[in-house]
Amino acid sequence: AANATIVGILVLALGAAEFLDLRRWEEGLETACGLWLIASPFILGYADAGMLRYWHFVLGAAVVLLAMLELRQDWTLSDAELTRHSAR
């Protein structure tokens, strides 16, 4: 539960940081958080926990998918356009 809470807080913090200052590296970190959430049942040894493993896999896949969609959306923007879309 602590692992999922920490990853959730990180994803929320990265989303808030992206709202304030739009950068491409934030999507990369969100993708890494999603991949960690998918892999954590196997790395931390609770892969036999049944539904918990499936929830972490589904939620991690959702985070990765959304981060990839955001990255694809931002990929064509120049640095000036990224700055203009930021809340700063």
N, C-alpha and C. Protein backbone atom coordinates (compact mmCIF):
# COMPACT_ATOMS: atom_id res chain seq x y z
N ALA A 1 0.83 -1.19 0.00
CA ALA A 1 0.00 0.00 0.00
C ALA A 1 0.88 1.25 0.00
N ALA A 2 1.98 1.20 0.71
CA ALA A 2 2.87 2.36 0.76
C ALA A 2 3.47 2.63 -0.61
N ASN A 3 3.82 1.58 -1.33
CA ASN A 3 4.39 1.73 -2.66
C ASN A 3 3.40 2.45 -3.58
N ALA A 4 2.15 2.00 -3.60
CA ALA A 4 1.13 2.62 -4.46
C ALA A 4 0.86 4.06 -4.04
N THR A 5 0.88 4.32 -2.75
CA THR A 5 0.66 5.69 -2.26
C THR A 5 1.78 6.62 -2.71
N ILE A 6 3.01 6.15 -2.58
CA ILE A 6 4.16 6.98 -2.97
C ILE A 6 4.14 7.24 -4.47
N VAL A 7 3.87 6.21 -5.27
CA VAL A 7 3.82 6.38 -6.72
C VAL A 7 2.68 7.32 -7.10
N GLY A 8 1.53 7.19 -6.43
CA GLY A 8 0.40 8.07 -6.70
C GLY A 8 0.72 9.52 -6.39
N ILE A 9 1.38 9.76 -5.26
CA ILE A 9 1.78 11.12 -4.90
C ILE A 9 2.77 11.68 -5.91
N LEU A 10 3.71 10.84 -6.36
CA LEU A 10 4.68 11.29 -7.37
C LEU A 10 3.99 11.66 -8.69
N VAL A 11 3.04 10.84 -9.12
CA VAL A 11 2.33 11.13 -10.37
C VAL A 11 1.53 12.42 -10.24
N LEU A 12 0.87 12.60 -9.09
CA LEU A 12 0.12 13.84 -8.87
C LEU A 12 1.04 15.06 -8.82
N ALA A 13 2.18 14.93 -8.16
CA ALA A 13 3.14 16.03 -8.09
C ALA A 13 3.70 16.37 -9.47
N LEU A 14 3.99 15.35 -10.27
CA LEU A 14 4.48 15.60 -11.62
C LEU A 14 3.41 16.26 -12.48
N GLY A 15 2.17 15.86 -12.30
CA GLY A 15 1.07 16.50 -13.03
C GLY A 15 0.92 17.96 -12.64
N ALA A 16 1.05 18.25 -11.36
CA ALA A 16 0.97 19.64 -10.90
C ALA A 16 2.16 20.44 -11.41
N ALA A 17 3.34 19.83 -11.39
CA ALA A 17 4.54 20.52 -11.89
C ALA A 17 4.40 20.79 -13.39
N GLU A 18 3.77 19.86 -14.09
CA GLU A 18 3.58 20.05 -15.53
C GLU A 18 2.60 21.19 -15.81
N PHE A 19 1.65 21.36 -14.95
CA PHE A 19 0.70 22.46 -15.11
C PHE A 19 1.41 23.80 -14.93
N LEU A 20 2.35 23.85 -14.00
CA LEU A 20 3.06 25.09 -13.73
C LEU A 20 4.15 25.39 -14.76
N ASP A 21 4.89 24.37 -15.14
CA ASP A 21 6.02 24.57 -16.05
C ASP A 21 6.11 23.36 -16.98
N LEU A 22 5.57 23.48 -18.17
CA LEU A 22 5.45 22.37 -19.10
C LEU A 22 6.82 22.00 -19.66
N ARG A 23 7.26 20.78 -19.37
CA ARG A 23 8.53 20.25 -19.88
C ARG A 23 8.32 18.81 -20.32
N ARG A 24 9.13 18.35 -21.26
CA ARG A 24 8.99 16.99 -21.76
C ARG A 24 9.49 15.93 -20.78
N TRP A 25 10.46 16.26 -19.94
CA TRP A 25 11.02 15.28 -19.02
C TRP A 25 10.00 14.83 -17.98
N GLU A 26 8.98 15.62 -17.75
CA GLU A 26 7.96 15.23 -16.77
C GLU A 26 7.17 14.02 -17.25
N GLU A 27 6.90 13.95 -18.54
CA GLU A 27 6.23 12.77 -19.08
C GLU A 27 7.11 11.54 -18.97
N GLY A 28 8.42 11.73 -19.12
CA GLY A 28 9.35 10.62 -18.94
C GLY A 28 9.32 10.08 -17.52
N LEU A 29 9.26 10.97 -16.55
CA LEU A 29 9.18 10.52 -15.16
C LEU A 29 7.83 9.88 -14.85
N GLU A 30 6.77 10.40 -15.45
CA GLU A 30 5.46 9.77 -15.27
C GLU A 30 5.46 8.36 -15.87
N THR A 31 6.09 8.20 -17.02
CA THR A 31 6.21 6.88 -17.63
C THR A 31 6.99 5.94 -16.72
N ALA A 32 8.07 6.43 -16.15
CA ALA A 32 8.87 5.61 -15.23
C ALA A 32 8.05 5.21 -14.01
N CYS A 33 7.23 6.12 -13.49
CA CYS A 33 6.36 5.78 -12.35
C CYS A 33 5.37 4.68 -12.73
N GLY A 34 4.80 4.77 -13.92
CA GLY A 34 3.87 3.75 -14.38
C GLY A 34 4.55 2.41 -14.56
N LEU A 35 5.74 2.42 -15.14
CA LEU A 35 6.48 1.17 -15.32
C LEU A 35 6.87 0.56 -13.98
N TRP A 36 7.24 1.42 -13.03
CA TRP A 36 7.55 0.93 -11.68
C TRP A 36 6.32 0.29 -11.05
N LEU A 37 5.17 0.91 -11.23
CA LEU A 37 3.94 0.37 -10.66
C LEU A 37 3.61 -0.99 -11.26
N ILE A 38 3.90 -1.18 -12.55
CA ILE A 38 3.68 -2.48 -13.20
C ILE A 38 4.67 -3.51 -12.65
N ALA A 39 5.92 -3.12 -12.50
CA ALA A 39 6.97 -4.07 -12.10
C ALA A 39 7.05 -4.30 -10.59
N SER A 40 6.53 -3.39 -9.79
CA SER A 40 6.73 -3.48 -8.34
C SER A 40 6.18 -4.74 -7.69
N PRO A 41 5.06 -5.33 -8.12
CA PRO A 41 4.65 -6.59 -7.47
C PRO A 41 5.69 -7.70 -7.61
N PHE A 42 6.40 -7.70 -8.72
CA PHE A 42 7.40 -8.74 -8.95
C PHE A 42 8.71 -8.40 -8.24
N ILE A 43 9.08 -7.13 -8.21
CA ILE A 43 10.32 -6.71 -7.57
C ILE A 43 10.21 -6.76 -6.05
N LEU A 44 9.07 -6.31 -5.52
CA LEU A 44 8.89 -6.25 -4.07
C LEU A 44 8.31 -7.53 -3.48
N GLY A 45 7.97 -8.50 -4.33
CA GLY A 45 7.60 -9.81 -3.85
C GLY A 45 6.15 -10.00 -3.45
N TYR A 46 5.24 -9.24 -3.98
CA TYR A 46 3.83 -9.48 -3.69
C TYR A 46 3.04 -9.80 -4.96
N ALA A 47 3.71 -10.46 -5.89
CA ALA A 47 3.08 -10.83 -7.16
C ALA A 47 2.01 -11.91 -6.97
N ASP A 48 2.06 -12.63 -5.86
CA ASP A 48 1.05 -13.66 -5.62
C ASP A 48 -0.13 -13.12 -4.80
N ALA A 49 -0.24 -11.82 -4.69
CA ALA A 49 -1.31 -11.19 -3.89
C ALA A 49 -2.64 -11.12 -4.62
N GLY A 50 -2.75 -11.74 -5.77
CA GLY A 50 -4.02 -11.81 -6.48
C GLY A 50 -4.41 -10.50 -7.15
N MET A 51 -5.53 -9.95 -6.72
CA MET A 51 -6.09 -8.75 -7.36
C MET A 51 -5.18 -7.53 -7.23
N LEU A 52 -4.39 -7.47 -6.17
CA LEU A 52 -3.48 -6.34 -6.00
C LEU A 52 -2.51 -6.24 -7.16
N ARG A 53 -2.01 -7.38 -7.61
CA ARG A 53 -1.10 -7.40 -8.75
C ARG A 53 -1.79 -6.88 -10.01
N TYR A 54 -3.03 -7.30 -10.22
CA TYR A 54 -3.77 -6.85 -11.41
C TYR A 54 -4.08 -5.36 -11.35
N TRP A 55 -4.45 -4.87 -10.18
CA TRP A 55 -4.72 -3.44 -10.04
C TRP A 55 -3.47 -2.62 -10.33
N HIS A 56 -2.34 -3.06 -9.81
CA HIS A 56 -1.10 -2.32 -10.06
C HIS A 56 -0.72 -2.37 -11.53
N PHE A 57 -0.96 -3.50 -12.17
CA PHE A 57 -0.66 -3.61 -13.60
C PHE A 57 -1.57 -2.68 -14.40
N VAL A 58 -2.88 -2.70 -14.13
CA VAL A 58 -3.83 -1.88 -14.88
C VAL A 58 -3.58 -0.39 -14.63
N LEU A 59 -3.39 0.00 -13.39
CA LEU A 59 -3.15 1.41 -13.09
C LEU A 59 -1.81 1.88 -13.65
N GLY A 60 -0.79 1.05 -13.57
CA GLY A 60 0.50 1.39 -14.15
C GLY A 60 0.41 1.54 -15.66
N ALA A 61 -0.33 0.65 -16.29
CA ALA A 61 -0.51 0.75 -17.75
C ALA A 61 -1.27 2.02 -18.12
N ALA A 62 -2.25 2.41 -17.30
CA ALA A 62 -2.99 3.65 -17.55
C ALA A 62 -2.08 4.86 -17.42
N VAL A 63 -1.21 4.87 -16.42
CA VAL A 63 -0.27 5.98 -16.24
C VAL A 63 0.68 6.06 -17.43
N VAL A 64 1.21 4.92 -17.85
CA VAL A 64 2.13 4.89 -19.00
C VAL A 64 1.42 5.36 -20.26
N LEU A 65 0.21 4.89 -20.49
CA LEU A 65 -0.54 5.29 -21.69
C LEU A 65 -0.80 6.78 -21.70
N LEU A 66 -1.25 7.33 -20.59
CA LEU A 66 -1.53 8.77 -20.54
C LEU A 66 -0.25 9.60 -20.67
N ALA A 67 0.83 9.14 -20.07
CA ALA A 67 2.10 9.87 -20.19
C ALA A 67 2.59 9.85 -21.64
N MET A 68 2.44 8.71 -22.31
CA MET A 68 2.84 8.63 -23.72
C MET A 68 1.98 9.53 -24.60
N LEU A 69 0.69 9.59 -24.31
CA LEU A 69 -0.19 10.49 -25.07
C LEU A 69 0.20 11.95 -24.86
N GLU A 70 0.53 12.31 -23.62
CA GLU A 70 0.97 13.69 -23.34
C GLU A 70 2.29 13.98 -24.05
N LEU A 71 3.20 13.03 -24.01
CA LEU A 71 4.50 13.22 -24.67
C LEU A 71 4.32 13.38 -26.17
N ARG A 72 3.47 12.58 -26.75
CA ARG A 72 3.20 12.69 -28.19
C ARG A 72 2.59 14.05 -28.52
N GLN A 73 1.71 14.52 -27.65
CA GLN A 73 1.06 15.81 -27.86
C GLN A 73 2.07 16.96 -27.77
N ASP A 74 3.00 16.86 -26.84
CA ASP A 74 3.98 17.93 -26.62
C ASP A 74 5.20 17.82 -27.52
N TRP A 75 5.39 16.69 -28.20
CA TRP A 75 6.62 16.45 -28.95
C TRP A 75 6.81 17.45 -30.09
N THR A 76 5.73 17.86 -30.72
CA THR A 76 5.84 18.75 -31.88
C THR A 76 5.96 20.22 -31.47
N LEU A 77 5.77 20.52 -30.19
CA LEU A 77 5.86 21.91 -29.76
C LEU A 77 7.31 22.34 -29.62
N SER A 78 7.59 23.57 -30.00
CA SER A 78 8.94 24.11 -29.80
C SER A 78 9.08 24.53 -28.33
N ASP A 79 10.30 24.87 -27.94
CA ASP A 79 10.52 25.32 -26.56
C ASP A 79 9.74 26.59 -26.25
N ALA A 80 9.63 27.47 -27.22
CA ALA A 80 8.86 28.72 -27.03
C ALA A 80 7.38 28.41 -26.81
N GLU A 81 6.86 27.45 -27.58
CA GLU A 81 5.45 27.07 -27.41
C GLU A 81 5.22 26.37 -26.08
N LEU A 82 6.18 25.56 -25.64
CA LEU A 82 6.06 24.92 -24.33
C LEU A 82 5.99 25.97 -23.23
N THR A 83 6.82 26.98 -23.34
CA THR A 83 6.82 28.06 -22.34
C THR A 83 5.52 28.81 -22.38
N ARG A 84 4.99 29.05 -23.56
CA ARG A 84 3.73 29.79 -23.70
C ARG A 84 2.55 29.01 -23.10
N HIS A 85 2.58 27.68 -23.17
CA HIS A 85 1.51 26.85 -22.63
C HIS A 85 1.62 26.65 -21.13
N SER A 86 2.73 27.04 -20.53
CA SER A 86 2.89 26.91 -19.09
C SER A 86 2.10 27.98 -18.37
N ALA A 87 1.85 27.74 -17.08
CA ALA A 87 1.09 28.71 -16.27
C ALA A 87 1.97 29.86 -15.80
N ARG A 88 3.26 29.77 -16.01
CA ARG A 88 4.16 30.85 -15.58
C ARG A 88 4.05 32.05 -16.43
